Amino acid sequence: MVATIKTLYNKINLNKLGAVMRVTVEELQKNFITYLKLASTEDVIITRDDVEVARLSSHFEGIVHENLPLYGVGHKATYEEFLQLRHDSDRRYEYIDGDIYLLASPKVAHQYTVTQLLTMFSVYFDNGECLPFVAPFDIEVKRQSTEEKNMVQPDLMVICDLYQHVGEDDYYKGVPSLIVEVLSKRTQKKDLIFKLNLYMSCGVKEYWIVNPDNQEVMIYHFDNFNIKNTKHIKMTRKLVRLYLQD
């Protein structure tokens, strides 16, 4: 292992052209975590057949965005690689079907919407068995058809089996009954497609997609790992309360 690391860093030193390093896609795939750490101090250009296809930079520009997978050059990450990256970084990430997503800092409209909903949920679920939680809160889920793990951080969730599924490490190991994601321009594809499919396939009962621009909520009810029905409501205190009571 030590010899491998030394060899890798020798390659890094030999491969620099001026202040910019160039590595092939294959090399990046083999040693992604090392190059990602290195990118915090200098740019790394990724090439395929001597053609530039992406760039890692100190600000994670190019292939690392909240709406694009971190492994944006054709490589699926293992769950172990994701855990290692999360362990070595102060940044927040999600892992969905082998792709790692960087979670950017939310904007004002997003956080205001989450706060509004959390207030409504806290009042409605007060003294009940269900409890609302907000991100950052890691949720590890698996699709019904596979044992492969995913890790997400929903904006807001309602958990009704907390005490039955809290591990010895004080992390929740179950599946929330209700999950809410608040849309942003950067995350629409992930929330509307990837997460909709994931939550439907892992046992979530209800999924809310909230548009903060028009204060509207699209609600999906899942049953037997499929969409049972959908509803569309305005996000006012009265309508949300009436819907929850329905």
C-alpha atoms as a PDB file:
ATOM      1  CA  MET A   1       0.000   0.000   0.000  1.00  0.00           C
ATOM      2  CA  VAL A   2       2.791   2.445   0.911  1.00  0.00           C
ATOM      3  CA  ALA A   3       4.641   1.593  -2.300  1.00  0.00           C
ATOM      4  CA  THR A   4       1.460   2.225  -4.314  1.00  0.00           C
ATOM      5  CA  ILE A   5       1.003   5.669  -2.761  1.00  0.00           C
ATOM      6  CA  LYS A   6       4.654   6.580  -3.425  1.00  0.00           C
ATOM      7  CA  THR A   7       4.325   5.423  -7.023  1.00  0.00           C
ATOM      8  CA  LEU A   8       1.182   7.465  -7.459  1.00  0.00           C
ATOM      9  CA  TYR A   9       2.757  10.630  -6.116  1.00  0.00           C
ATOM     10  CA  ASN A  10       5.795  10.070  -8.350  1.00  0.00           C
ATOM     11  CA  LYS A  11       3.388   9.949 -11.285  1.00  0.00           C
ATOM     12  CA  ILE A  12       1.755  13.135 -10.061  1.00  0.00           C
ATOM     13  CA  ASN A  13       5.064  14.968  -9.870  1.00  0.00           C
ATOM     14  CA  LEU A  14       6.161  13.743 -13.307  1.00  0.00           C
ATOM     15  CA  ASN A  15       2.826  14.512 -14.926  1.00  0.00           C
ATOM     16  CA  LYS A  16       2.622  18.203 -14.094  1.00  0.00           C
ATOM     17  CA  LEU A  17       2.733  20.660 -16.999  1.00  0.00           C
ATOM     18  CA  GLY A  18       3.434  24.037 -15.473  1.00  0.00           C
ATOM     19  CA  ALA A  19       0.863  24.583 -12.713  1.00  0.00           C
ATOM     20  CA  VAL A  20      -1.701  22.207 -14.222  1.00  0.00           C
ATOM     21  CA  MET A  21      -1.711  18.436 -13.835  1.00  0.00           C
ATOM     22  CA  ARG A  22      -3.134  16.099 -16.475  1.00  0.00           C
ATOM     23  CA  VAL A  23      -4.356  12.583 -15.682  1.00  0.00           C
ATOM     24  CA  THR A  24      -6.233  10.059 -17.764  1.00  0.00           C
ATOM     25  CA  VAL A  25      -9.753   8.913 -16.989  1.00  0.00           C
ATOM     26  CA  GLU A  26      -8.388   5.461 -16.171  1.00  0.00           C
ATOM     27  CA  GLU A  27      -5.847   6.880 -13.717  1.00  0.00           C
ATOM     28  CA  LEU A  28      -8.524   9.022 -12.065  1.00  0.00           C
ATOM     29  CA  GLN A  29     -10.817   6.027 -11.654  1.00  0.00           C
ATOM     30  CA  LYS A  30      -8.092   4.005  -9.951  1.00  0.00           C
ATOM     31  CA  ASN A  31      -7.048   6.744  -7.513  1.00  0.00           C
ATOM     32  CA  PHE A  32     -10.019   9.110  -7.359  1.00  0.00           C
ATOM     33  CA  ILE A  33      -9.864   9.989  -3.662  1.00  0.00           C
ATOM     34  CA  THR A  34      -6.181  10.927  -3.874  1.00  0.00           C
ATOM     35  CA  TYR A  35      -6.712  13.190  -6.881  1.00  0.00           C
ATOM     36  CA  LEU A  36      -9.789  14.758  -5.280  1.00  0.00           C
ATOM     37  CA  LYS A  37      -7.729  15.700  -2.214  1.00  0.00           C
ATOM     38  CA  LEU A  38      -5.003  17.071  -4.480  1.00  0.00           C
ATOM     39  CA  ALA A  39      -7.561  19.201  -6.329  1.00  0.00           C
ATOM     40  CA  SER A  40      -8.120  21.204  -3.147  1.00  0.00           C
ATOM     41  CA  THR A  41      -4.743  22.867  -3.785  1.00  0.00           C
ATOM     42  CA  GLU A  42      -4.343  22.819  -7.578  1.00  0.00           C
ATOM     43  CA  ASP A  43      -6.211  22.077 -10.794  1.00  0.00           C
ATOM     44  CA  VAL A  44      -6.292  18.566 -12.242  1.00  0.00           C
ATOM     45  CA  ILE A  45      -7.270  18.161 -15.902  1.00  0.00           C
ATOM     46  CA  ILE A  46      -8.882  14.841 -16.866  1.00  0.00           C
ATOM     47  CA  THR A  47      -8.138  13.478 -20.340  1.00  0.00           C
ATOM     48  CA  ARG A  48      -9.455  10.688 -22.532  1.00  0.00           C
ATOM     49  CA  ASP A  49      -7.381   9.758 -25.602  1.00  0.00           C
ATOM     50  CA  ASP A  50      -5.319  12.935 -25.010  1.00  0.00           C
ATOM     51  CA  VAL A  51      -8.456  15.089 -25.192  1.00  0.00           C
ATOM     52  CA  GLU A  52      -9.486  17.202 -22.182  1.00  0.00           C
ATOM     53  CA  VAL A  53     -12.898  16.052 -20.910  1.00  0.00           C
ATOM     54  CA  ALA A  54     -13.148  17.575 -17.420  1.00  0.00           C
ATOM     55  CA  ARG A  55     -11.329  19.500 -14.730  1.00  0.00           C
ATOM     56  CA  LEU A  56     -11.088  19.151 -10.965  1.00  0.00           C
ATOM     57  CA  SER A  57     -10.346  22.445  -9.256  1.00  0.00           C
ATOM     58  CA  SER A  58      -9.985  23.833  -5.753  1.00  0.00           C
ATOM     59  CA  HIS A  59     -13.613  24.956  -5.948  1.00  0.00           C
ATOM     60  CA  PHE A  60     -14.791  21.650  -7.429  1.00  0.00           C
ATOM     61  CA  GLU A  61     -15.806  23.337 -10.654  1.00  0.00           C
ATOM     62  CA  GLY A  62     -16.501  21.493 -13.889  1.00  0.00           C
ATOM     63  CA  ILE A  63     -17.617  17.994 -12.944  1.00  0.00           C
ATOM     64  CA  VAL A  64     -18.705  18.509  -9.360  1.00  0.00           C
ATOM     65  CA  HIS A  65     -22.059  20.210  -8.888  1.00  0.00           C
ATOM     66  CA  GLU A  66     -25.131  19.430  -6.842  1.00  0.00           C
ATOM     67  CA  ASN A  67     -27.056  18.467  -9.966  1.00  0.00           C
ATOM     68  CA  LEU A  68     -24.229  16.453 -11.528  1.00  0.00           C
ATOM     69  CA  PRO A  69     -22.602  13.288 -10.183  1.00  0.00           C
ATOM     70  CA  LEU A  70     -19.149  13.701  -8.718  1.00  0.00           C
ATOM     71  CA  TYR A  71     -17.898  10.789 -10.799  1.00  0.00           C
ATOM     72  CA  GLY A  72     -18.827  12.692 -13.932  1.00  0.00           C
ATOM     73  CA  VAL A  73     -16.332  10.956 -16.229  1.00  0.00           C
ATOM     74  CA  GLY A  74     -18.060   7.599 -16.609  1.00  0.00           C
ATOM     75  CA  HIS A  75     -17.060   5.939 -13.328  1.00  0.00           C
ATOM     76  CA  LYS A  76     -19.513   4.679 -10.735  1.00  0.00           C
ATOM     77  CA  ALA A  77     -18.285   4.958  -7.154  1.00  0.00           C
ATOM     78  CA  THR A  78     -18.570   2.133  -4.682  1.00  0.00           C
ATOM     79  CA  TYR A  79     -20.330   2.733  -1.388  1.00  0.00           C
ATOM     80  CA  GLU A  80     -16.983   2.289   0.377  1.00  0.00           C
ATOM     81  CA  GLU A  81     -15.418   5.007  -1.795  1.00  0.00           C
ATOM     82  CA  PHE A  82     -18.309   7.306  -0.924  1.00  0.00           C
ATOM     83  CA  LEU A  83     -17.874   6.655   2.804  1.00  0.00           C
ATOM     84  CA  GLN A  84     -14.142   7.345   2.524  1.00  0.00           C
ATOM     85  CA  LEU A  85     -14.755  10.622   0.701  1.00  0.00           C
ATOM     86  CA  ARG A  86     -17.325  11.688   3.291  1.00  0.00           C
ATOM     87  CA  HIS A  87     -14.948  10.757   6.108  1.00  0.00           C
ATOM     88  CA  ASP A  88     -12.105  12.813   4.601  1.00  0.00           C
ATOM     89  CA  SER A  89     -14.174  15.919   3.819  1.00  0.00           C
ATOM     90  CA  ASP A  90     -16.194  18.530   5.682  1.00  0.00           C
ATOM     91  CA  ARG A  91     -18.520  18.871   2.703  1.00  0.00           C
ATOM     92  CA  ARG A  92     -21.931  17.202   2.455  1.00  0.00           C
ATOM     93  CA  TYR A  93     -22.562  14.526  -0.161  1.00  0.00           C
ATOM     94  CA  GLU A  94     -25.310  12.171  -1.299  1.00  0.00           C
ATOM     95  CA  TYR A  95     -24.824   8.761  -2.918  1.00  0.00           C
ATOM     96  CA  ILE A  96     -27.479   7.581  -5.381  1.00  0.00           C
ATOM     97  CA  ASP A  97     -27.034   4.498  -7.593  1.00  0.00           C
ATOM     98  CA  GLY A  98     -23.253   4.792  -7.666  1.00  0.00           C
ATOM     99  CA  ASP A  99     -23.125   8.563  -8.270  1.00  0.00           C
ATOM    100  CA  ILE A 100     -21.862  10.999  -5.632  1.00  0.00           C
ATOM    101  CA  TYR A 101     -23.480  14.445  -5.468  1.00  0.00           C
ATOM    102  CA  LEU A 102     -22.030  17.487  -3.740  1.00  0.00           C
ATOM    103  CA  LEU A 103     -24.652  19.333  -1.669  1.00  0.00           C
ATOM    104  CA  ALA A 104     -24.282  23.079  -2.059  1.00  0.00           C
ATOM    105  CA  SER A 105     -25.317  25.598   0.596  1.00  0.00           C
ATOM    106  CA  PRO A 106     -29.073  26.270   0.245  1.00  0.00           C
ATOM    107  CA  LYS A 107     -30.371  29.704  -0.706  1.00  0.00           C
ATOM    108  CA  VAL A 108     -32.779  31.904   1.265  1.00  0.00           C
ATOM    109  CA  ALA A 109     -35.994  30.860  -0.536  1.00  0.00           C
ATOM    110  CA  HIS A 110     -35.119  27.199  -0.033  1.00  0.00           C
ATOM    111  CA  GLN A 111     -34.407  27.530   3.682  1.00  0.00           C
ATOM    112  CA  TYR A 112     -37.420  29.746   4.318  1.00  0.00           C
ATOM    113  CA  THR A 113     -39.657  27.123   2.698  1.00  0.00           C
ATOM    114  CA  VAL A 114     -38.099  24.335   4.778  1.00  0.00           C
ATOM    115  CA  THR A 115     -38.597  26.402   7.940  1.00  0.00           C
ATOM    116  CA  GLN A 116     -42.249  27.048   7.095  1.00  0.00           C
ATOM    117  CA  LEU A 117     -42.929  23.357   6.546  1.00  0.00           C
ATOM    118  CA  LEU A 118     -41.015  22.301   9.655  1.00  0.00           C
ATOM    119  CA  THR A 119     -43.151  24.690  11.735  1.00  0.00           C
ATOM    120  CA  MET A 120     -46.371  23.237  10.269  1.00  0.00           C
ATOM    121  CA  PHE A 121     -45.200  19.659  10.745  1.00  0.00           C
ATOM    122  CA  SER A 122     -43.993  20.289  14.303  1.00  0.00           C
ATOM    123  CA  VAL A 123     -47.405  21.612  15.296  1.00  0.00           C
ATOM    124  CA  TYR A 124     -49.316  18.824  13.561  1.00  0.00           C
ATOM    125  CA  PHE A 125     -47.160  15.935  14.820  1.00  0.00           C
ATOM    126  CA  ASP A 126     -46.764  17.329  18.350  1.00  0.00           C
ATOM    127  CA  ASN A 127     -47.063  14.600  21.007  1.00  0.00           C
ATOM    128  CA  GLY A 128     -47.524  11.895  18.365  1.00  0.00           C
ATOM    129  CA  GLU A 129     -45.384   8.899  17.442  1.00  0.00           C
ATOM    130  CA  CYS A 130     -44.178  10.578  14.252  1.00  0.00           C
ATOM    131  CA  LEU A 131     -41.382  13.162  14.430  1.00  0.00           C
ATOM    132  CA  PRO A 132     -40.181  15.686  11.801  1.00  0.00           C
ATOM    133  CA  PHE A 133     -36.457  16.115  11.087  1.00  0.00           C
ATOM    134  CA  VAL A 134     -34.462  18.375   8.767  1.00  0.00           C
ATOM    135  CA  ALA A 135     -31.115  18.033   6.982  1.00  0.00           C
ATOM    136  CA  PRO A 136     -28.332  17.357   7.587  1.00  0.00           C
ATOM    137  CA  PHE A 137     -29.666  13.924   8.542  1.00  0.00           C
ATOM    138  CA  ASP A 138     -28.229  10.863   6.782  1.00  0.00           C
ATOM    139  CA  ILE A 139     -30.742   8.336   5.507  1.00  0.00           C
ATOM    140  CA  GLU A 140     -29.379   5.025   4.223  1.00  0.00           C
ATOM    141  CA  VAL A 141     -31.843   3.220   1.951  1.00  0.00           C
ATOM    142  CA  LYS A 142     -31.868   0.226  -0.373  1.00  0.00           C
ATOM    143  CA  ARG A 143     -34.182  -0.469  -3.266  1.00  0.00           C
ATOM    144  CA  GLN A 144     -36.497  -3.418  -2.892  1.00  0.00           C
ATOM    145  CA  SER A 145     -34.809  -5.191  -5.810  1.00  0.00           C
ATOM    146  CA  THR A 146     -31.177  -4.833  -4.673  1.00  0.00           C
ATOM    147  CA  GLU A 147     -28.905  -4.834  -1.644  1.00  0.00           C
ATOM    148  CA  GLU A 148     -26.917  -1.835  -2.905  1.00  0.00           C
ATOM    149  CA  LYS A 149     -26.945   1.054  -0.437  1.00  0.00           C
ATOM    150  CA  ASN A 150     -27.777   4.690  -1.121  1.00  0.00           C
ATOM    151  CA  MET A 151     -27.251   7.647   1.202  1.00  0.00           C
ATOM    152  CA  VAL A 152     -29.415  10.772   0.992  1.00  0.00           C
ATOM    153  CA  GLN A 153     -30.036  13.874   3.074  1.00  0.00           C
ATOM    154  CA  PRO A 154     -33.667  14.926   2.465  1.00  0.00           C
ATOM    155  CA  ASP A 155     -34.560  18.537   3.190  1.00  0.00           C
ATOM    156  CA  LEU A 156     -37.324  17.436   5.557  1.00  0.00           C
ATOM    157  CA  MET A 157     -38.659  14.064   6.649  1.00  0.00           C
ATOM    158  CA  VAL A 158     -41.195  12.537   9.019  1.00  0.00           C
ATOM    159  CA  ILE A 159     -40.096   9.418  10.891  1.00  0.00           C
ATOM    160  CA  CYS A 160     -42.698   7.241  12.614  1.00  0.00           C
ATOM    161  CA  ASP A 161     -40.491   4.337  13.736  1.00  0.00           C
ATOM    162  CA  LEU A 162     -37.563   6.226  15.243  1.00  0.00           C
ATOM    163  CA  TYR A 163     -37.142   4.270  18.457  1.00  0.00           C
ATOM    164  CA  GLN A 164     -37.379   0.896  16.713  1.00  0.00           C
ATOM    165  CA  HIS A 165     -34.597   1.767  14.267  1.00  0.00           C
ATOM    166  CA  VAL A 166     -31.984   3.786  16.152  1.00  0.00           C
ATOM    167  CA  GLY A 167     -28.681   1.905  16.138  1.00  0.00           C
ATOM    168  CA  GLU A 168     -26.093   1.747  18.888  1.00  0.00           C
ATOM    169  CA  ASP A 169     -24.187   4.479  17.042  1.00  0.00           C
ATOM    170  CA  ASP A 170     -27.245   6.781  17.468  1.00  0.00           C
ATOM    171  CA  TYR A 171     -27.968   6.846  13.721  1.00  0.00           C
ATOM    172  CA  TYR A 172     -31.416   6.130  12.316  1.00  0.00           C
ATOM    173  CA  LYS A 173     -31.462   2.898  10.282  1.00  0.00           C
ATOM    174  CA  GLY A 174     -35.037   2.859   8.991  1.00  0.00           C
ATOM    175  CA  VAL A 175     -37.031   4.439   6.163  1.00  0.00           C
ATOM    176  CA  PRO A 176     -38.944   7.710   6.761  1.00  0.00           C
ATOM    177  CA  SER A 177     -42.676   7.578   6.181  1.00  0.00           C
ATOM    178  CA  LEU A 178     -42.704  10.975   4.479  1.00  0.00           C
ATOM    179  CA  ILE A 179     -39.881  12.792   2.684  1.00  0.00           C
ATOM    180  CA  VAL A 180     -39.873  16.391   1.435  1.00  0.00           C
ATOM    181  CA  GLU A 181     -37.476  17.881  -1.088  1.00  0.00           C
ATOM    182  CA  VAL A 182     -37.514  21.598  -1.902  1.00  0.00           C
ATOM    183  CA  LEU A 183     -36.643  22.314  -5.532  1.00  0.00           C
ATOM    184  CA  SER A 184     -33.868  24.541  -6.759  1.00  0.00           C
ATOM    185  CA  LYS A 185     -32.695  25.076 -10.324  1.00  0.00           C
ATOM    186  CA  ARG A 186     -29.559  23.047  -9.602  1.00  0.00           C
ATOM    187  CA  THR A 187     -31.373  20.031  -8.128  1.00  0.00           C
ATOM    188  CA  GLN A 188     -34.576  19.697 -10.157  1.00  0.00           C
ATOM    189  CA  LYS A 189     -33.446  16.690 -12.176  1.00  0.00           C
ATOM    190  CA  LYS A 190     -32.193  14.868  -9.101  1.00  0.00           C
ATOM    191  CA  ASP A 191     -35.340  15.577  -7.049  1.00  0.00           C
ATOM    192  CA  LEU A 192     -37.895  15.070  -9.833  1.00  0.00           C
ATOM    193  CA  ILE A 193     -36.378  11.937 -11.387  1.00  0.00           C
ATOM    194  CA  PHE A 194     -33.623  10.192  -9.430  1.00  0.00           C
ATOM    195  CA  LYS A 195     -34.993  10.724  -5.930  1.00  0.00           C
ATOM    196  CA  LEU A 196     -38.591  10.121  -6.960  1.00  0.00           C
ATOM    197  CA  ASN A 197     -37.565   6.735  -8.318  1.00  0.00           C
ATOM    198  CA  LEU A 198     -35.345   5.949  -5.320  1.00  0.00           C
ATOM    199  CA  TYR A 199     -37.929   6.841  -2.674  1.00  0.00           C
ATOM    200  CA  MET A 200     -40.633   4.889  -4.487  1.00  0.00           C
ATOM    201  CA  SER A 201     -38.359   1.840  -4.654  1.00  0.00           C
ATOM    202  CA  CYS A 202     -37.139   1.808  -1.056  1.00  0.00           C
ATOM    203  CA  GLY A 203     -40.386   1.859   0.929  1.00  0.00           C
ATOM    204  CA  VAL A 204     -41.132   5.562   1.508  1.00  0.00           C
ATOM    205  CA  LYS A 205     -44.906   6.012   1.765  1.00  0.00           C
ATOM    206  CA  GLU A 206     -45.195   9.641   0.701  1.00  0.00           C
ATOM    207  CA  TYR A 207     -42.964  12.091  -1.175  1.00  0.00           C
ATOM    208  CA  TRP A 208     -43.503  15.861  -1.345  1.00  0.00           C
ATOM    209  CA  ILE A 209     -41.761  17.964  -4.003  1.00  0.00           C
ATOM    210  CA  VAL A 210     -42.064  21.643  -3.098  1.00  0.00           C
ATOM    211  CA  ASN A 211     -41.569  24.499  -5.548  1.00  0.00           C
ATOM    212  CA  PRO A 212     -40.593  27.586  -3.504  1.00  0.00           C
ATOM    213  CA  ASP A 213     -41.140  29.915  -6.475  1.00  0.00           C
ATOM    214  CA  ASN A 214     -44.905  29.379  -6.594  1.00  0.00           C
ATOM    215  CA  GLN A 215     -45.363  27.762  -3.168  1.00  0.00           C
ATOM    216  CA  GLU A 216     -46.902  24.643  -4.696  1.00  0.00           C
ATOM    217  CA  VAL A 217     -46.502  21.042  -3.575  1.00  0.00           C
ATOM    218  CA  MET A 218     -46.681  17.895  -5.693  1.00  0.00           C
ATOM    219  CA  ILE A 219     -47.456  14.922  -3.450  1.00  0.00           C
ATOM    220  CA  TYR A 220     -46.800  11.307  -4.428  1.00  0.00           C
ATOM    221  CA  HIS A 221     -48.353   8.399  -2.555  1.00  0.00           C
ATOM    222  CA  PHE A 222     -46.501   5.115  -2.944  1.00  0.00           C
ATOM    223  CA  ASP A 223     -47.917   1.630  -2.456  1.00  0.00           C
ATOM    224  CA  ASN A 224     -46.237  -1.695  -3.189  1.00  0.00           C
ATOM    225  CA  PHE A 225     -43.191   0.178  -4.562  1.00  0.00           C
ATOM    226  CA  ASN A 226     -45.223   2.042  -7.157  1.00  0.00           C
ATOM    227  CA  ILE A 227     -47.067   5.352  -7.472  1.00  0.00           C
ATOM    228  CA  LYS A 228     -50.575   4.942  -6.084  1.00  0.00           C
ATOM    229  CA  ASN A 229     -51.790   8.495  -6.699  1.00  0.00           C
ATOM    230  CA  THR A 230     -50.669  12.116  -6.808  1.00  0.00           C
ATOM    231  CA  LYS A 231     -52.047  15.370  -5.440  1.00  0.00           C
ATOM    232  CA  HIS A 232     -51.240  19.010  -6.047  1.00  0.00           C
ATOM    233  CA  ILE A 233     -51.785  21.658  -3.347  1.00  0.00           C
ATOM    234  CA  LYS A 234     -50.742  25.218  -2.519  1.00  0.00           C
ATOM    235  CA  MET A 235     -48.374  25.480   0.416  1.00  0.00           C
ATOM    236  CA  THR A 236     -50.519  27.486   2.826  1.00  0.00           C
ATOM    237  CA  ARG A 237     -50.839  26.636   6.509  1.00  0.00           C
ATOM    238  CA  LYS A 238     -54.545  25.909   6.116  1.00  0.00           C
ATOM    239  CA  LEU A 239     -54.213  23.628   3.098  1.00  0.00           C
ATOM    240  CA  VAL A 240     -51.237  21.736   4.488  1.00  0.00           C
ATOM    241  CA  ARG A 241     -53.061  21.198   7.778  1.00  0.00           C
ATOM    242  CA  LEU A 242     -56.216  20.046   5.980  1.00  0.00           C
ATOM    243  CA  TYR A 243     -54.199  17.695   3.800  1.00  0.00           C
ATOM    244  CA  LEU A 244     -52.396  16.139   6.760  1.00  0.00           C
ATOM    245  CA  GLN A 245     -55.707  15.604   8.514  1.00  0.00           C
ATOM    246  CA  ASP A 246     -57.227  13.978   5.420  1.00  0.00           C
END
